[in-house]
Protein backbone atom coordinates (compact mmCIF):
# COMPACT_ATOMS: atom_id res chain seq x y z
CA UNK A 1 39.81 82.14 114.70
CA UNK A 2 42.91 81.14 117.52
CA UNK A 3 43.34 84.97 117.31
CA UNK A 4 39.84 85.55 118.21
CA UNK A 5 39.87 82.81 121.83
CA UNK A 6 42.77 84.81 122.43
CA UNK A 7 41.36 88.26 122.55
CA UNK A 8 38.48 86.79 124.13
CA UNK A 9 40.84 85.03 127.31
CA UNK A 10 42.06 88.83 127.27
CA UNK A 11 38.99 90.28 127.66
CA UNK A 12 37.59 88.12 130.59
CA UNK A 13 40.88 88.25 132.39
CA UNK A 14 40.83 91.60 132.17
CA UNK A 15 36.97 92.79 133.11
CA UNK A 16 38.02 90.46 136.45
CA UNK A 17 40.65 93.00 137.21
CA UNK A 18 38.25 96.02 137.01
CA UNK A 19 36.17 94.55 139.66
CA UNK A 20 38.89 94.10 142.08
CA UNK A 21 39.15 96.80 144.36
CA UNK A 22 42.15 98.66 147.41
CA UNK A 23 39.41 100.89 148.84
CA UNK A 24 35.89 100.92 148.94
CA UNK A 25 34.07 103.21 150.46
CA UNK A 26 29.83 104.68 151.04
CA UNK A 27 28.09 106.35 153.68
CA UNK A 28 29.32 110.08 154.80
CA UNK A 29 31.82 109.63 157.53
CA UNK A 30 31.67 113.13 159.81
CA UNK A 31 33.75 114.55 162.25
CA UNK A 32 31.82 113.64 165.82
CA UNK A 33 30.95 110.23 164.45
CA UNK A 34 30.94 106.85 166.77
CA UNK A 35 33.54 104.55 165.66
CA UNK A 36 32.51 101.42 166.25
CA UNK A 37 35.10 98.99 164.01
CA UNK A 38 38.18 98.80 162.63
CA UNK A 39 39.26 95.60 162.66
CA UNK A 40 41.15 93.03 160.09
CA UNK A 41 40.05 91.10 158.34
CA UNK A 42 41.21 87.61 156.82
CA UNK A 43 41.45 84.31 155.50
CA UNK A 44 44.01 82.38 154.14
CA UNK A 45 44.60 81.38 150.34
CA UNK A 46 42.98 78.11 148.76
CA UNK A 47 45.59 76.95 146.28
CA UNK A 48 44.51 77.42 142.77
CA UNK A 49 41.14 78.77 144.04
CA UNK A 50 38.75 81.88 145.02
CA UNK A 51 38.46 82.57 148.46
CA UNK A 52 34.47 84.22 149.70
CA UNK A 53 33.78 84.39 152.95
CA UNK A 54 31.39 86.55 155.48
CA UNK A 55 31.85 90.30 157.60
CA UNK A 56 29.12 90.23 159.92
CA UNK A 57 29.13 93.10 162.16
CA UNK A 58 26.36 94.26 165.13
CA UNK A 59 26.37 97.56 166.40
CA UNK A 60 23.94 99.50 168.73
CA UNK A 61 23.52 102.60 167.09
CA UNK A 62 22.62 103.39 163.12
CA UNK A 63 25.71 103.22 160.82
CA UNK A 64 27.15 106.33 158.81
CA UNK A 65 30.04 105.15 157.02
CA UNK A 66 31.54 101.80 155.86
CA UNK A 67 34.78 101.49 154.06
CA UNK A 68 36.93 98.49 153.56
CA UNK A 69 40.93 98.57 152.33
CA UNK A 70 43.36 96.19 151.22
CA UNK A 71 45.75 95.24 152.96
CA UNK A 72 47.88 93.54 150.44
CA UNK A 73 48.58 96.44 147.94
CA UNK A 74 49.72 92.84 145.39
CA UNK A 75 47.93 92.85 141.63
CA UNK A 76 44.17 92.98 141.88
CA UNK A 77 42.64 93.28 145.71
CA UNK A 78 39.36 91.19 146.68
CA UNK A 79 35.93 92.47 145.94
CA UNK A 80 33.32 93.40 148.20
CA UNK A 81 29.17 93.64 148.19
CA UNK A 82 27.08 94.55 151.26
CA UNK A 83 24.58 91.37 151.33
CA UNK A 84 22.19 92.88 153.84
CA UNK A 85 21.87 95.72 156.65
CA UNK A 86 24.39 98.72 155.85
CA UNK A 87 24.08 101.95 156.07
CA UNK A 88 21.01 103.68 158.56
CA UNK A 89 20.59 99.92 159.96
CA UNK A 90 22.10 98.43 162.66
CA UNK A 91 24.14 95.70 161.21
CA UNK A 92 25.72 95.35 158.20
CA UNK A 93 27.05 91.88 155.88
CA UNK A 94 29.38 92.24 154.10
CA UNK A 95 30.78 89.15 151.38
CA UNK A 96 34.07 89.17 150.07
CA UNK A 97 35.83 87.46 147.91
CA UNK A 98 39.55 86.86 147.01
CA UNK A 99 41.33 86.90 143.42
CA UNK A 100 42.48 83.90 142.24
CA UNK A 101 45.32 82.15 144.56
CA UNK A 102 45.34 85.31 147.11
CA UNK A 103 44.32 85.76 150.51
CA UNK A 104 41.83 88.22 151.67
CA UNK A 105 43.58 90.32 153.97
CA UNK A 106 41.21 93.89 154.39
CA UNK A 107 40.51 96.67 157.20
CA UNK A 108 37.07 96.99 157.90
CA UNK A 109 36.18 100.95 158.96
CA UNK A 110 32.77 101.60 160.63
CA UNK A 111 31.05 104.35 162.19
CA UNK A 112 27.94 104.80 163.51
CA UNK A 113 26.03 108.77 163.54
CA UNK A 114 25.62 110.49 166.78
CA UNK A 115 22.50 112.97 167.33
CA UNK A 116 23.07 115.77 169.81
CA UNK A 117 19.38 116.38 171.78
CA UNK A 118 20.15 119.92 170.84
CA UNK A 119 20.81 119.54 166.97
CA UNK A 120 16.85 117.42 166.91
CA UNK A 121 15.67 120.40 168.93
CA UNK A 122 16.96 123.30 166.90
CA UNK A 123 15.77 120.47 163.67
CA UNK A 124 12.20 120.87 164.41
């Protein structure tokens, strides 16, 4: 019975490590895209707890690329999830959670699509 509990405990621990990231991105980055956010996001650790926090960014053009990179690079990194907005929207809300007893320290990189009038004219 003891060995089954131990195996279940290890499975839970390794499953939680698998959901963490070093770099997460969505969308497609093009050469002519406009960089609208290159932010550092930091929340200090709370001893013996996980930290959760939201990152909100409103921009004037449709978002084409979102990249979140872990800056600490120590064991399990934080988790990130797009809660609202996102690609082809003018805002994004990210929910980030830390690993147990660790801070959240990430870079958030957001670009907007730039549409040329000449490109739109030839597409019609």
